[in-house]
C-alpha atoms as a PDB file:
ATOM      1  CA  LEU A   1     -69.558 119.776   0.217  1.00  0.00           C
ATOM      2  CA  GLN A   2     -72.044 120.761  -2.474  1.00  0.00           C
ATOM      3  CA  SER A   3     -75.650 121.768  -1.836  1.00  0.00           C
ATOM      4  CA  TYR A   4     -76.547 119.802  -4.987  1.00  0.00           C
ATOM      5  CA  LYS A   5     -76.409 116.139  -3.945  1.00  0.00           C
ATOM      6  CA  ASN A   6     -77.025 114.144  -7.137  1.00  0.00           C
ATOM      7  CA  ILE A   7     -73.381 113.945  -8.167  1.00  0.00           C
ATOM      8  CA  GLU A   8     -70.553 111.528  -8.847  1.00  0.00           C
ATOM      9  CA  VAL A   9     -66.838 112.306  -8.697  1.00  0.00           C
ATOM     10  CA  ILE A  10     -64.403 111.007 -11.311  1.00  0.00           C
ATOM     11  CA  ILE A  11     -60.707 111.349 -10.432  1.00  0.00           C
ATOM     12  CA  SER A  12     -58.188 111.010 -13.254  1.00  0.00           C
ATOM     13  CA  ASP A  13     -54.669 110.723 -11.851  1.00  0.00           C
ATOM     14  CA  ASP A  14     -51.683 111.347 -14.143  1.00  0.00           C
ATOM     15  CA  TYR A  15     -49.405 108.817 -12.397  1.00  0.00           C
ATOM     16  CA  SER A  16     -48.741 111.050  -9.401  1.00  0.00           C
ATOM     17  CA  THR A  17     -45.722 110.149  -7.264  1.00  0.00           C
ATOM     18  CA  ASP A  18     -46.745 111.877  -4.023  1.00  0.00           C
ATOM     19  CA  ASN A  19     -49.618 111.139  -1.608  1.00  0.00           C
ATOM     20  CA  THR A  20     -52.343 112.130  -4.064  1.00  0.00           C
ATOM     21  CA  LEU A  21     -53.786 108.642  -4.535  1.00  0.00           C
ATOM     22  CA  LEU A  22     -53.855 107.987  -0.796  1.00  0.00           C
ATOM     23  CA  ILE A  23     -55.739 111.238  -0.258  1.00  0.00           C
ATOM     24  CA  CYS A  24     -58.154 110.261  -3.036  1.00  0.00           C
ATOM     25  CA  GLU A  25     -58.762 106.809  -1.558  1.00  0.00           C
ATOM     26  CA  ASN A  26     -59.512 108.339   1.851  1.00  0.00           C
ATOM     27  CA  PHE A  27     -61.886 110.782   0.190  1.00  0.00           C
ATOM     28  CA  LYS A  28     -63.640 107.907  -1.590  1.00  0.00           C
ATOM     29  CA  GLU A  29     -64.146 105.998   1.665  1.00  0.00           C
ATOM     30  CA  GLN A  30     -65.717 108.994   3.385  1.00  0.00           C
ATOM     31  CA  ALA A  31     -67.855 110.300   0.494  1.00  0.00           C
ATOM     32  CA  SER A  32     -71.637 109.860   0.503  1.00  0.00           C
ATOM     33  CA  PHE A  33     -71.721 109.807  -3.321  1.00  0.00           C
ATOM     34  CA  PRO A  34     -70.031 107.591  -5.930  1.00  0.00           C
ATOM     35  CA  VAL A  35     -66.290 108.224  -6.376  1.00  0.00           C
ATOM     36  CA  SER A  36     -64.194 106.512  -9.054  1.00  0.00           C
ATOM     37  CA  ILE A  37     -60.410 106.752  -9.417  1.00  0.00           C
ATOM     38  CA  TYR A  38     -58.592 106.056 -12.679  1.00  0.00           C
ATOM     39  CA  SER A  39     -54.935 106.251 -13.644  1.00  0.00           C
ATOM     40  CA  HIS A  40     -53.982 107.989 -16.853  1.00  0.00           C
ATOM     41  CA  LYS A  41     -50.665 108.039 -18.657  1.00  0.00           C
ATOM     42  CA  PRO A  42     -49.605 111.690 -18.977  1.00  0.00           C
ATOM     43  CA  SER A  43     -49.676 113.093 -22.503  1.00  0.00           C
ATOM     44  CA  ASN A  44     -51.177 116.576 -22.471  1.00  0.00           C
ATOM     45  CA  ILE A  45     -53.573 118.598 -20.350  1.00  0.00           C
ATOM     46  CA  GLY A  46     -56.630 118.026 -22.523  1.00  0.00           C
ATOM     47  CA  ALA A  47     -56.128 114.262 -22.613  1.00  0.00           C
ATOM     48  CA  ASN A  48     -56.560 114.046 -18.845  1.00  0.00           C
ATOM     49  CA  TRP A  49     -59.750 116.099 -19.020  1.00  0.00           C
ATOM     50  CA  ASP A  50     -61.063 113.758 -21.702  1.00  0.00           C
ATOM     51  CA  ASN A  51     -60.156 110.725 -19.598  1.00  0.00           C
ATOM     52  CA  SER A  52     -62.311 112.055 -16.762  1.00  0.00           C
ATOM     53  CA  ILE A  53     -65.285 112.667 -19.043  1.00  0.00           C
ATOM     54  CA  LYS A  54     -64.964 109.209 -20.605  1.00  0.00           C
ATOM     55  CA  TYR A  55     -66.002 107.609 -17.315  1.00  0.00           C
ATOM     56  CA  ALA A  56     -68.672 110.150 -16.366  1.00  0.00           C
ATOM     57  CA  ASN A  57     -72.277 108.933 -16.248  1.00  0.00           C
ATOM     58  CA  GLY A  58     -73.923 112.268 -15.525  1.00  0.00           C
ATOM     59  CA  GLU A  59     -75.838 114.540 -17.852  1.00  0.00           C
ATOM     60  CA  TYR A  60     -73.573 117.472 -17.002  1.00  0.00           C
ATOM     61  CA  ILE A  61     -69.801 117.826 -16.577  1.00  0.00           C
ATOM     62  CA  LYS A  62     -68.186 120.059 -13.927  1.00  0.00           C
ATOM     63  CA  PHE A  63     -64.400 120.230 -13.791  1.00  0.00           C
ATOM     64  CA  LEU A  64     -62.521 120.708 -10.517  1.00  0.00           C
ATOM     65  CA  PHE A  65     -58.738 120.859 -10.719  1.00  0.00           C
ATOM     66  CA  GLN A  66     -56.476 120.045  -7.797  1.00  0.00           C
ATOM     67  CA  ASP A  67     -55.619 123.707  -7.187  1.00  0.00           C
ATOM     68  CA  ASP A  68     -59.103 125.183  -7.077  1.00  0.00           C
ATOM     69  CA  ILE A  69     -62.275 125.352  -4.960  1.00  0.00           C
ATOM     70  CA  LEU A  70     -65.994 125.242  -5.732  1.00  0.00           C
ATOM     71  CA  LYS A  71     -68.345 127.378  -3.656  1.00  0.00           C
ATOM     72  CA  HIS A  72     -70.816 125.165  -1.788  1.00  0.00           C
ATOM     73  CA  ASP A  73     -73.732 126.091  -4.110  1.00  0.00           C
ATOM     74  CA  CYS A  74     -71.723 126.121  -7.355  1.00  0.00           C
ATOM     75  CA  ILE A  75     -73.255 123.055  -8.978  1.00  0.00           C
ATOM     76  CA  GLU A  76     -76.787 123.864  -7.814  1.00  0.00           C
ATOM     77  CA  VAL A  77     -76.679 127.395  -9.216  1.00  0.00           C
ATOM     78  CA  MET A  78     -75.079 126.329 -12.505  1.00  0.00           C
ATOM     79  CA  VAL A  79     -77.606 123.549 -13.084  1.00  0.00           C
ATOM     80  CA  ASP A  80     -80.412 126.037 -12.400  1.00  0.00           C
ATOM     81  CA  TYR A  81     -79.035 128.498 -14.972  1.00  0.00           C
ATOM     82  CA  LEU A  82     -78.630 125.741 -17.571  1.00  0.00           C
ATOM     83  CA  LEU A  83     -82.159 124.422 -17.159  1.00  0.00           C
ATOM     84  CA  ARG A  84     -83.999 127.741 -16.802  1.00  0.00           C
ATOM     85  CA  ASN A  85     -82.293 129.241 -19.853  1.00  0.00           C
ATOM     86  CA  ASN A  86     -82.180 126.128 -22.053  1.00  0.00           C
ATOM     87  CA  LEU A  87     -78.379 126.292 -22.250  1.00  0.00           C
ATOM     88  CA  GLU A  88     -75.795 123.577 -22.867  1.00  0.00           C
ATOM     89  CA  ILE A  89     -72.918 125.485 -21.229  1.00  0.00           C
ATOM     90  CA  ILE A  90     -72.535 128.100 -18.501  1.00  0.00           C
ATOM     91  CA  PHE A  91     -69.559 130.037 -17.099  1.00  0.00           C
ATOM     92  CA  SER A  92     -69.318 131.834 -13.768  1.00  0.00           C
ATOM     93  CA  LYS A  93     -67.044 134.593 -12.551  1.00  0.00           C
ATOM     94  CA  ARG A  94     -64.360 133.527 -10.079  1.00  0.00           C
ATOM     95  CA  GLU A  95     -62.472 134.753  -7.064  1.00  0.00           C
ATOM     96  CA  ILE A  96     -58.668 134.700  -7.277  1.00  0.00           C
ATOM     97  CA  ILE A  97     -56.871 133.095  -4.328  1.00  0.00           C
ATOM     98  CA  ASP A  98     -53.184 132.649  -3.560  1.00  0.00           C
ATOM     99  CA  GLU A  99     -51.194 129.569  -2.518  1.00  0.00           C
ATOM    100  CA  GLU A 100     -52.458 129.889   1.065  1.00  0.00           C
ATOM    101  CA  GLY A 101     -56.093 130.070  -0.015  1.00  0.00           C
ATOM    102  CA  GLU A 102     -56.382 133.783   0.771  1.00  0.00           C
ATOM    103  CA  LEU A 103     -58.095 136.229  -1.575  1.00  0.00           C
ATOM    104  CA  SER A 104     -55.395 137.617  -3.838  1.00  0.00           C
ATOM    105  CA  ASN A 105     -54.562 141.211  -4.760  1.00  0.00           C
ATOM    106  CA  SER A 106     -51.830 140.164  -7.182  1.00  0.00           C
ATOM    107  CA  ASP A 107     -51.021 141.609 -10.601  1.00  0.00           C
ATOM    108  CA  PHE A 108     -52.911 138.635 -12.053  1.00  0.00           C
ATOM    109  CA  LEU A 109     -56.088 139.837 -10.330  1.00  0.00           C
ATOM    110  CA  ILE A 110     -55.663 143.317 -11.786  1.00  0.00           C
ATOM    111  CA  ARG A 111     -55.118 141.964 -15.301  1.00  0.00           C
ATOM    112  CA  PHE A 112     -57.410 138.937 -15.344  1.00  0.00           C
ATOM    113  CA  GLY A 113     -59.763 139.237 -12.377  1.00  0.00           C
ATOM    114  CA  ASP A 114     -62.824 139.790 -14.548  1.00  0.00           C
ATOM    115  CA  LEU A 115     -62.171 138.226 -17.935  1.00  0.00           C
ATOM    116  CA  GLN A 116     -65.203 139.690 -19.682  1.00  0.00           C
ATOM    117  CA  GLN A 117     -64.499 143.281 -18.634  1.00  0.00           C
ATOM    118  CA  GLY A 118     -61.251 142.966 -20.578  1.00  0.00           C
ATOM    119  CA  ILE A 119     -63.288 142.936 -23.792  1.00  0.00           C
ATOM    120  CA  GLY A 120     -65.777 145.555 -22.594  1.00  0.00           C
ATOM    121  CA  LEU A 121     -68.531 143.129 -21.573  1.00  0.00           C
ATOM    122  CA  PHE A 122     -70.081 143.887 -18.180  1.00  0.00           C
ATOM    123  CA  VAL A 123     -72.334 141.021 -17.119  1.00  0.00           C
ATOM    124  CA  ASP A 124     -75.389 141.733 -14.967  1.00  0.00           C
ATOM    125  CA  ASP A 125     -76.615 138.384 -13.551  1.00  0.00           C
ATOM    126  CA  LEU A 126     -76.565 136.529 -16.884  1.00  0.00           C
ATOM    127  CA  HIS A 127     -75.324 137.232 -20.390  1.00  0.00           C
ATOM    128  CA  ILE A 128     -75.913 134.861 -23.302  1.00  0.00           C
ATOM    129  CA  PHE A 129     -72.729 135.105 -25.381  1.00  0.00           C
ATOM    130  CA  ASN A 130     -73.347 134.386 -29.084  1.00  0.00           C
ATOM    131  CA  LYS A 131     -71.125 134.380 -32.139  1.00  0.00           C
ATOM    132  CA  LYS A 132     -72.185 137.955 -32.842  1.00  0.00           C
ATOM    133  CA  ASP A 133     -70.566 139.033 -29.568  1.00  0.00           C
ATOM    134  CA  LEU A 134     -67.136 138.205 -30.999  1.00  0.00           C
ATOM    135  CA  TYR A 135     -67.123 141.743 -32.430  1.00  0.00           C
ATOM    136  CA  LEU A 136     -66.123 142.796 -28.891  1.00  0.00           C
ATOM    137  CA  LEU A 137     -62.684 141.307 -29.527  1.00  0.00           C
ATOM    138  CA  GLY A 138     -62.031 144.121 -31.994  1.00  0.00           C
ATOM    139  CA  SER A 139     -61.890 146.552 -29.078  1.00  0.00           C
ATOM    140  CA  VAL A 140     -58.976 144.713 -27.489  1.00  0.00           C
ATOM    141  CA  LYS A 141     -55.803 146.811 -27.569  1.00  0.00           C
ATOM    142  CA  LYS A 142     -53.870 146.313 -30.815  1.00  0.00           C
ATOM    143  CA  ASN A 143     -56.519 143.756 -31.848  1.00  0.00           C
ATOM    144  CA  LYS A 144     -54.461 141.153 -30.037  1.00  0.00           C
ATOM    145  CA  LEU A 145     -56.209 138.841 -27.622  1.00  0.00           C
ATOM    146  CA  GLN A 146     -53.694 137.484 -25.128  1.00  0.00           C
ATOM    147  CA  TYR A 147     -55.949 135.693 -22.667  1.00  0.00           C
ATOM    148  CA  ASN A 148     -59.024 133.487 -22.395  1.00  0.00           C
ATOM    149  CA  PHE A 149     -61.950 135.920 -22.350  1.00  0.00           C
ATOM    150  CA  LEU A 150     -64.551 133.276 -21.432  1.00  0.00           C
ATOM    151  CA  GLY A 151     -62.942 131.387 -18.567  1.00  0.00           C
ATOM    152  CA  GLU A 152     -60.828 128.481 -17.438  1.00  0.00           C
ATOM    153  CA  PRO A 153     -62.385 124.992 -17.573  1.00  0.00           C
ATOM    154  CA  ILE A 154     -63.163 125.089 -13.846  1.00  0.00           C
ATOM    155  CA  ALA A 155     -65.360 128.152 -14.464  1.00  0.00           C
ATOM    156  CA  SER A 156     -67.602 126.135 -16.785  1.00  0.00           C
ATOM    157  CA  MET A 157     -70.301 123.509 -16.607  1.00  0.00           C
ATOM    158  CA  PHE A 158     -71.536 121.878 -19.812  1.00  0.00           C
ATOM    159  CA  SER A 159     -73.708 119.017 -20.958  1.00  0.00           C
ATOM    160  CA  LYS A 160     -72.425 115.620 -21.988  1.00  0.00           C
ATOM    161  CA  LYS A 161     -74.529 116.180 -25.116  1.00  0.00           C
ATOM    162  CA  LEU A 162     -72.392 119.226 -26.016  1.00  0.00           C
ATOM    163  CA  TYR A 163     -69.159 117.311 -25.443  1.00  0.00           C
ATOM    164  CA  ASN A 164     -70.302 114.389 -27.588  1.00  0.00           C
ATOM    165  CA  GLU A 165     -71.131 116.780 -30.435  1.00  0.00           C
ATOM    166  CA  ILE A 166     -68.089 119.079 -30.244  1.00  0.00           C
ATOM    167  CA  GLY A 167     -65.543 116.342 -29.542  1.00  0.00           C
ATOM    168  CA  CYS A 168     -62.600 115.915 -27.184  1.00  0.00           C
ATOM    169  CA  PHE A 169     -60.341 118.549 -25.620  1.00  0.00           C
ATOM    170  CA  GLU A 170     -57.109 116.825 -26.621  1.00  0.00           C
ATOM    171  CA  SER A 171     -55.004 119.278 -28.589  1.00  0.00           C
ATOM    172  CA  PRO A 172     -51.325 119.837 -29.448  1.00  0.00           C
ATOM    173  CA  LEU A 173     -51.661 123.291 -27.849  1.00  0.00           C
ATOM    174  CA  LYS A 174     -50.003 123.723 -24.449  1.00  0.00           C
ATOM    175  CA  GLN A 175     -51.886 126.947 -23.766  1.00  0.00           C
ATOM    176  CA  PHE A 176     -55.291 128.266 -24.834  1.00  0.00           C
ATOM    177  CA  LEU A 177     -56.627 124.799 -25.691  1.00  0.00           C
ATOM    178  CA  ASP A 178     -59.675 125.621 -23.573  1.00  0.00           C
ATOM    179  CA  LEU A 179     -60.284 128.877 -25.481  1.00  0.00           C
ATOM    180  CA  GLU A 180     -59.902 126.935 -28.721  1.00  0.00           C
ATOM    181  CA  TYR A 181     -62.600 124.559 -27.472  1.00  0.00           C
ATOM    182  CA  TRP A 182     -64.989 127.328 -26.396  1.00  0.00           C
ATOM    183  CA  LEU A 183     -64.702 128.900 -29.854  1.00  0.00           C
ATOM    184  CA  LYS A 184     -65.654 125.535 -31.373  1.00  0.00           C
ATOM    185  CA  VAL A 185     -68.639 125.472 -29.025  1.00  0.00           C
ATOM    186  CA  LEU A 186     -69.696 128.977 -30.136  1.00  0.00           C
ATOM    187  CA  LYS A 187     -70.073 127.730 -33.700  1.00  0.00           C
ATOM    188  CA  LYS A 188     -72.997 125.628 -32.484  1.00  0.00           C
ATOM    189  CA  TYR A 189     -74.195 126.815 -29.071  1.00  0.00           C
ATOM    190  CA  PRO A 190     -74.512 130.117 -27.184  1.00  0.00           C
ATOM    191  CA  ILE A 191     -72.512 130.335 -23.959  1.00  0.00           C
ATOM    192  CA  GLY A 192     -74.099 131.581 -20.751  1.00  0.00           C
ATOM    193  CA  ILE A 193     -72.017 133.766 -18.408  1.00  0.00           C
ATOM    194  CA  THR A 194     -73.243 134.578 -14.905  1.00  0.00           C
ATOM    195  CA  SER A 195     -71.881 137.393 -12.775  1.00  0.00           C
ATOM    196  CA  LYS A 196     -71.978 135.160  -9.683  1.00  0.00           C
ATOM    197  CA  GLN A 197     -68.558 134.142  -8.341  1.00  0.00           C
ATOM    198  CA  LEU A 198     -69.054 130.400  -7.897  1.00  0.00           C
ATOM    199  CA  ILE A 199     -65.434 129.203  -7.862  1.00  0.00           C
ATOM    200  CA  GLN A 200     -62.058 130.144  -6.414  1.00  0.00           C
ATOM    201  CA  PHE A 201     -59.210 130.025  -8.909  1.00  0.00           C
ATOM    202  CA  ARG A 202     -55.797 129.561  -7.298  1.00  0.00           C
ATOM    203  CA  ILE A 203     -52.705 131.384  -8.551  1.00  0.00           C
ATOM    204  CA  HIS A 204     -49.292 129.843  -7.802  1.00  0.00           C
ATOM    205  CA  SER A 205     -45.913 129.428  -9.464  1.00  0.00           C
ATOM    206  CA  GLN A 206     -46.309 125.728 -10.336  1.00  0.00           C
ATOM    207  CA  GLN A 207     -49.645 125.847 -12.163  1.00  0.00           C
ATOM    208  CA  ALA A 208     -49.559 124.895 -15.833  1.00  0.00           C
ATOM    209  CA  SER A 209     -50.251 128.381 -17.182  1.00  0.00           C
ATOM    210  CA  ALA A 210     -47.490 129.921 -15.051  1.00  0.00           C
ATOM    211  CA  VAL A 211     -44.968 127.272 -16.105  1.00  0.00           C
ATOM    212  CA  ASN A 212     -45.941 127.707 -19.769  1.00  0.00           C
ATOM    213  CA  TYR A 213     -45.540 131.489 -19.472  1.00  0.00           C
ATOM    214  CA  GLN A 214     -42.032 131.106 -18.039  1.00  0.00           C
ATOM    215  CA  ASN A 215     -41.110 128.711 -20.858  1.00  0.00           C
END
């Protein structure tokens, strides 16, 4: 449950064949806020994100994927940062959890636990990342960026206004399509990054990034 109550939940289901829809229907019946469920023909990852946003009525968009967890004050804190700093998009740090929901000490955590530290950016409470900060990428070993230095979609919250101006996520890319999108955003808007860990990002062998890496 979120401490911020003025929300709606949009569920976009890519024709699941397990008990997902039943779980979603039970969730809808018990929820104290509006919940809508839509089916979506699978095409690519970004298309399903776009399908969710298409039906959203809110001023701000917050992704939550089936693997991950929002801290109870995630939305409240992110909305506060957006409004107080006149931002259209904010990212938070995240905790890494394993398949059992336990805090992870995996190799992934060592390599990607704090995405901004990988480019030499140490965030104290809030950093406003602008285009000029892209010079930090030059310090990456061999000038080769091999990961998303801003954050996965679940680590973000952004305005519907931003999405309408930048356009959809749908992309032929199977990996890094979110980073591609954030770089498009940077052409027009600064990106806020808070040091608060407001989400839990789950690492497991069947997640899209792991499958793509193996392929």
